[in-house]
Structure formats: structure tokens, C-alpha cells
Amino acid sequence: MVACRAATPTPSLPLVNTQADIDAFLAGAPHAVVGASTDRTKYGNKVLRCYQQTARPVHVVHPREREIEGVSCVASIADLPAGVHGLSIITPPAVTEQVVQAALAKGIRHLWMQPGAESAKAIELARAAGLNVIAGGPCLLVVLRFRE
């Protein structure tokens, strides 16, 4: 199993996830990874491979890459196809705030801010809009039992 960046909730951020939130996130498909990397040692790549390992449909958002781990990339959240259920976010906190805005514009209702990607402003914005937000707690890699 792979450890995530932060094994415990970030103290300055509100813990805003429950098992019901996680279940709702995982119940739908497809998902998209925002912050994926071509570097297999980076968490953005591991999250993408976790979706693949668990046979979950996944899209990749990356502004420069054309393909990561065999998945074609789109340049922005706006370029995702209709019907994306949720986003796994592995970006710096300031970028996560922009990701939330783009998710709202696209109509994506489920967000999982992976450890290290969270910001209080992003969480507040998403919660105020009624989105299902997982932040300040478990990592997708742990929940889905990713293995390298």
C-alpha cells in the first residue's frame, strides 16, 4: 500500500468528509484527475493509476501533456466531456481554488481534494455551492488500497 503525503488531517483545515461523502464520490463515474503527472513517483500519477488499477473510468486534465499512463489528456476542466461525476484534485492549494471554480462552471458536483491540495477558501467555496467535498482527511490511494 502507498502512504499519502499527509496521513492525518491538516490541522488548519476543517475536516469536511464522512464515509457517506466518500461513498457518494465513489458511487458515480467517470472521474477526472486534475494534477496528474507523467512522473510515476508523484501522487498525481499514482491517483491516476489507482483509478486504472480498480477499473474505474477516468479522464485526465493536464494543460500541456497529450497522454499520461495511456489516457488522453484534455487541457482544462471545461474540455472534459459532459457527465464527469467527480474530480480528484492533486494541485497546489491556490490552483485548487481555481479548480473549484471550473468544476462549478462545468457542473461537476463531487470533489476529492487529496492531502496537500486543500485550501480553506476552496473548501468553503465548494461547500457553499452545495458540492460534495472530501478534504482534510483520507487519501484516495488509501481508501481504494492502491498498490504499486
C-alpha atoms as a PDB file:
ATOM      1  CA  MET A   1       0.000   0.000   0.000  1.00  0.00           C
ATOM      2  CA  VAL A   2       1.146   3.563  -0.655  1.00  0.00           C
ATOM      3  CA  ALA A   3       1.215   6.233   2.016  1.00  0.00           C
ATOM      4  CA  CYS A   4      -0.166   9.623   1.114  1.00  0.00           C
ATOM      5  CA  ARG A   5       1.509  12.960   1.776  1.00  0.00           C
ATOM      6  CA  ALA A   6      -0.461  13.665   4.928  1.00  0.00           C
ATOM      7  CA  ALA A   7      -1.601  10.684   6.970  1.00  0.00           C
ATOM      8  CA  THR A   8      -3.563  12.863   9.400  1.00  0.00           C
ATOM      9  CA  PRO A   9      -5.977  15.739   8.798  1.00  0.00           C
ATOM     10  CA  THR A  10      -4.368  19.114   8.200  1.00  0.00           C
ATOM     11  CA  PRO A  11      -4.933  20.993  11.499  1.00  0.00           C
ATOM     12  CA  SER A  12      -5.743  24.371   9.934  1.00  0.00           C
ATOM     13  CA  LEU A  13      -8.421  22.960   7.635  1.00  0.00           C
ATOM     14  CA  PRO A  14     -11.894  21.804   8.587  1.00  0.00           C
ATOM     15  CA  LEU A  15     -12.481  18.073   8.336  1.00  0.00           C
ATOM     16  CA  VAL A  16     -15.345  18.005   5.869  1.00  0.00           C
ATOM     17  CA  ASN A  17     -15.720  14.403   4.901  1.00  0.00           C
ATOM     18  CA  THR A  18     -17.735  11.474   6.129  1.00  0.00           C
ATOM     19  CA  GLN A  19     -17.957   7.912   4.914  1.00  0.00           C
ATOM     20  CA  ALA A  20     -21.206   8.904   3.185  1.00  0.00           C
ATOM     21  CA  ASP A  21     -19.320  11.646   1.285  1.00  0.00           C
ATOM     22  CA  ILE A  22     -16.664   9.154   0.203  1.00  0.00           C
ATOM     23  CA  ASP A  23     -19.294   6.601  -0.812  1.00  0.00           C
ATOM     24  CA  ALA A  24     -21.158   9.235  -2.862  1.00  0.00           C
ATOM     25  CA  PHE A  25     -17.926  10.237  -4.599  1.00  0.00           C
ATOM     26  CA  LEU A  26     -17.035   6.645  -5.464  1.00  0.00           C
ATOM     27  CA  ALA A  27     -20.595   5.646  -6.441  1.00  0.00           C
ATOM     28  CA  GLY A  28     -20.515   7.531  -9.723  1.00  0.00           C
ATOM     29  CA  ALA A  29     -18.317   7.515 -12.783  1.00  0.00           C
ATOM     30  CA  PRO A  30     -16.365   8.648 -14.607  1.00  0.00           C
ATOM     31  CA  HIS A  31     -13.884  10.671 -12.586  1.00  0.00           C
ATOM     32  CA  ALA A  32     -11.131  13.009 -13.723  1.00  0.00           C
ATOM     33  CA  VAL A  33      -7.688  13.571 -12.257  1.00  0.00           C
ATOM     34  CA  VAL A  34      -6.603  17.202 -12.092  1.00  0.00           C
ATOM     35  CA  GLY A  35      -2.894  17.475 -11.386  1.00  0.00           C
ATOM     36  CA  ALA A  36      -1.843  14.187 -12.963  1.00  0.00           C
ATOM     37  CA  SER A  37       1.848  13.776 -13.680  1.00  0.00           C
ATOM     38  CA  THR A  38       3.946  11.746 -16.089  1.00  0.00           C
ATOM     39  CA  ASP A  39       6.309  11.083 -13.166  1.00  0.00           C
ATOM     40  CA  ARG A  40       5.283   7.746 -11.612  1.00  0.00           C
ATOM     41  CA  THR A  41       6.694   8.810  -8.225  1.00  0.00           C
ATOM     42  CA  LYS A  42       4.267  11.758  -7.979  1.00  0.00           C
ATOM     43  CA  TYR A  43       0.901  11.419  -6.286  1.00  0.00           C
ATOM     44  CA  GLY A  44      -0.902  12.808  -9.330  1.00  0.00           C
ATOM     45  CA  ASN A  45       0.328   9.815 -11.309  1.00  0.00           C
ATOM     46  CA  LYS A  46      -0.427   7.363  -8.514  1.00  0.00           C
ATOM     47  CA  VAL A  47      -4.016   8.589  -8.213  1.00  0.00           C
ATOM     48  CA  LEU A  48      -4.489   8.091 -11.962  1.00  0.00           C
ATOM     49  CA  ARG A  49      -3.026   4.585 -11.766  1.00  0.00           C
ATOM     50  CA  CYS A  50      -5.250   3.857  -8.764  1.00  0.00           C
ATOM     51  CA  TYR A  51      -8.333   4.532 -10.869  1.00  0.00           C
ATOM     52  CA  GLN A  52      -6.913   2.285 -13.581  1.00  0.00           C
ATOM     53  CA  GLN A  53      -5.981  -0.443 -11.091  1.00  0.00           C
ATOM     54  CA  THR A  54      -9.538  -0.515  -9.756  1.00  0.00           C
ATOM     55  CA  ALA A  55     -11.033  -0.499 -13.289  1.00  0.00           C
ATOM     56  CA  ARG A  56     -12.731   2.861 -12.812  1.00  0.00           C
ATOM     57  CA  PRO A  57     -13.315   5.077 -15.859  1.00  0.00           C
ATOM     58  CA  VAL A  58     -11.019   8.097 -15.668  1.00  0.00           C
ATOM     59  CA  HIS A  59     -10.133  11.244 -17.596  1.00  0.00           C
ATOM     60  CA  VAL A  60      -7.014  13.353 -17.198  1.00  0.00           C
ATOM     61  CA  VAL A  61      -6.784  17.143 -17.117  1.00  0.00           C
ATOM     62  CA  HIS A  62      -3.317  18.463 -17.937  1.00  0.00           C
ATOM     63  CA  PRO A  63      -2.603  21.746 -19.733  1.00  0.00           C
ATOM     64  CA  ARG A  64       0.488  20.502 -21.604  1.00  0.00           C
ATOM     65  CA  GLU A  65       0.581  16.707 -21.828  1.00  0.00           C
ATOM     66  CA  ARG A  66      -1.283  14.814 -24.545  1.00  0.00           C
ATOM     67  CA  GLU A  67      -1.325  11.459 -22.759  1.00  0.00           C
ATOM     68  CA  ILE A  68      -0.463  10.119 -19.316  1.00  0.00           C
ATOM     69  CA  GLU A  69      -0.445   6.395 -18.496  1.00  0.00           C
ATOM     70  CA  GLY A  70      -2.218   5.676 -21.776  1.00  0.00           C
ATOM     71  CA  VAL A  71      -5.066   8.106 -21.080  1.00  0.00           C
ATOM     72  CA  SER A  72      -5.582  11.051 -23.428  1.00  0.00           C
ATOM     73  CA  CYS A  73      -5.447  14.401 -21.650  1.00  0.00           C
ATOM     74  CA  VAL A  74      -7.698  17.406 -22.005  1.00  0.00           C
ATOM     75  CA  ALA A  75      -6.232  20.849 -21.387  1.00  0.00           C
ATOM     76  CA  SER A  76      -8.843  22.104 -18.926  1.00  0.00           C
ATOM     77  CA  ILE A  77     -11.850  21.082 -16.876  1.00  0.00           C
ATOM     78  CA  ALA A  78     -14.027  22.906 -19.405  1.00  0.00           C
ATOM     79  CA  ASP A  79     -12.749  20.455 -22.047  1.00  0.00           C
ATOM     80  CA  LEU A  80     -13.943  17.379 -20.145  1.00  0.00           C
ATOM     81  CA  PRO A  81     -16.898  15.536 -21.652  1.00  0.00           C
ATOM     82  CA  ALA A  82     -20.318  16.040 -20.111  1.00  0.00           C
ATOM     83  CA  GLY A  83     -21.211  13.709 -17.288  1.00  0.00           C
ATOM     84  CA  VAL A  84     -17.971  13.599 -15.316  1.00  0.00           C
ATOM     85  CA  HIS A  85     -19.055  12.590 -11.813  1.00  0.00           C
ATOM     86  CA  GLY A  86     -16.146  13.871  -9.760  1.00  0.00           C
ATOM     87  CA  LEU A  87     -12.648  15.298  -9.668  1.00  0.00           C
ATOM     88  CA  SER A  88      -9.626  14.007  -7.798  1.00  0.00           C
ATOM     89  CA  ILE A  89      -7.553  17.116  -7.211  1.00  0.00           C
ATOM     90  CA  ILE A  90      -3.790  16.952  -6.718  1.00  0.00           C
ATOM     91  CA  THR A  91      -2.762  20.572  -7.236  1.00  0.00           C
ATOM     92  CA  PRO A  92      -1.219  23.308  -5.095  1.00  0.00           C
ATOM     93  CA  PRO A  93      -3.867  24.909  -2.830  1.00  0.00           C
ATOM     94  CA  ALA A  94      -4.013  28.166  -4.827  1.00  0.00           C
ATOM     95  CA  VAL A  95      -4.677  26.167  -8.005  1.00  0.00           C
ATOM     96  CA  THR A  96      -7.299  24.087  -6.192  1.00  0.00           C
ATOM     97  CA  GLU A  97      -9.311  27.274  -5.689  1.00  0.00           C
ATOM     98  CA  GLN A  98      -9.356  27.747  -9.475  1.00  0.00           C
ATOM     99  CA  VAL A  99     -10.254  24.073  -9.949  1.00  0.00           C
ATOM    100  CA  VAL A 100     -13.325  24.510  -7.731  1.00  0.00           C
ATOM    101  CA  GLN A 101     -14.474  27.473  -9.849  1.00  0.00           C
ATOM    102  CA  ALA A 102     -14.007  25.439 -13.038  1.00  0.00           C
ATOM    103  CA  ALA A 103     -15.845  22.449 -11.536  1.00  0.00           C
ATOM    104  CA  LEU A 104     -18.778  24.688 -10.652  1.00  0.00           C
ATOM    105  CA  ALA A 105     -18.860  26.071 -14.192  1.00  0.00           C
ATOM    106  CA  LYS A 106     -18.795  22.528 -15.621  1.00  0.00           C
ATOM    107  CA  GLY A 107     -21.476  21.233 -13.250  1.00  0.00           C
ATOM    108  CA  ILE A 108     -19.245  18.681 -11.515  1.00  0.00           C
ATOM    109  CA  ARG A 109     -20.686  18.006  -8.052  1.00  0.00           C
ATOM    110  CA  HIS A 110     -18.088  15.783  -6.327  1.00  0.00           C
ATOM    111  CA  LEU A 111     -14.558  16.879  -5.375  1.00  0.00           C
ATOM    112  CA  TRP A 112     -11.823  14.971  -3.577  1.00  0.00           C
ATOM    113  CA  MET A 113      -9.011  17.310  -2.574  1.00  0.00           C
ATOM    114  CA  GLN A 114      -6.128  14.954  -1.973  1.00  0.00           C
ATOM    115  CA  PRO A 115      -3.853  15.676   1.017  1.00  0.00           C
ATOM    116  CA  GLY A 116      -1.750  18.746   0.287  1.00  0.00           C
ATOM    117  CA  ALA A 117      -4.176  20.133  -2.311  1.00  0.00           C
ATOM    118  CA  GLU A 118      -6.691  21.560   0.153  1.00  0.00           C
ATOM    119  CA  SER A 119      -7.240  25.216   0.930  1.00  0.00           C
ATOM    120  CA  ALA A 120      -9.797  26.647   3.332  1.00  0.00           C
ATOM    121  CA  LYS A 121     -11.011  29.033   0.620  1.00  0.00           C
ATOM    122  CA  ALA A 122     -11.527  26.194  -1.888  1.00  0.00           C
ATOM    123  CA  ILE A 123     -13.367  24.093   0.689  1.00  0.00           C
ATOM    124  CA  GLU A 124     -15.617  26.995   1.700  1.00  0.00           C
ATOM    125  CA  LEU A 125     -16.429  27.844  -1.923  1.00  0.00           C
ATOM    126  CA  ALA A 126     -17.301  24.251  -2.770  1.00  0.00           C
ATOM    127  CA  ARG A 127     -19.366  23.683   0.367  1.00  0.00           C
ATOM    128  CA  ALA A 128     -21.250  26.973  -0.107  1.00  0.00           C
ATOM    129  CA  ALA A 129     -22.189  25.784  -3.602  1.00  0.00           C
ATOM    130  CA  GLY A 130     -23.510  22.509  -2.201  1.00  0.00           C
ATOM    131  CA  LEU A 131     -20.790  20.299  -3.644  1.00  0.00           C
ATOM    132  CA  ASN A 132     -19.770  17.011  -2.074  1.00  0.00           C
ATOM    133  CA  VAL A 133     -16.249  17.770  -0.810  1.00  0.00           C
ATOM    134  CA  ILE A 134     -13.725  15.369   0.647  1.00  0.00           C
ATOM    135  CA  ALA A 135     -10.815  17.268   2.172  1.00  0.00           C
ATOM    136  CA  GLY A 136      -8.623  17.313   5.239  1.00  0.00           C
ATOM    137  CA  GLY A 137      -8.817  13.574   5.640  1.00  0.00           C
ATOM    138  CA  PRO A 138      -8.143  10.329   3.831  1.00  0.00           C
ATOM    139  CA  CYS A 139      -6.364   9.935   0.529  1.00  0.00           C
ATOM    140  CA  LEU A 140      -7.987   8.091  -2.371  1.00  0.00           C
ATOM    141  CA  LEU A 141      -4.935   5.813  -2.552  1.00  0.00           C
ATOM    142  CA  VAL A 142      -5.579   4.546   0.969  1.00  0.00           C
ATOM    143  CA  VAL A 143      -9.346   4.240   0.564  1.00  0.00           C
ATOM    144  CA  LEU A 144      -9.029   2.230  -2.677  1.00  0.00           C
ATOM    145  CA  ARG A 145      -5.983   0.299  -1.393  1.00  0.00           C
ATOM    146  CA  PHE A 146      -3.645   1.262  -4.224  1.00  0.00           C
ATOM    147  CA  ARG A 147      -0.635  -0.998  -4.687  1.00  0.00           C
ATOM    148  CA  GLU A 148       2.440  -0.152  -6.711  1.00  0.00           C
END
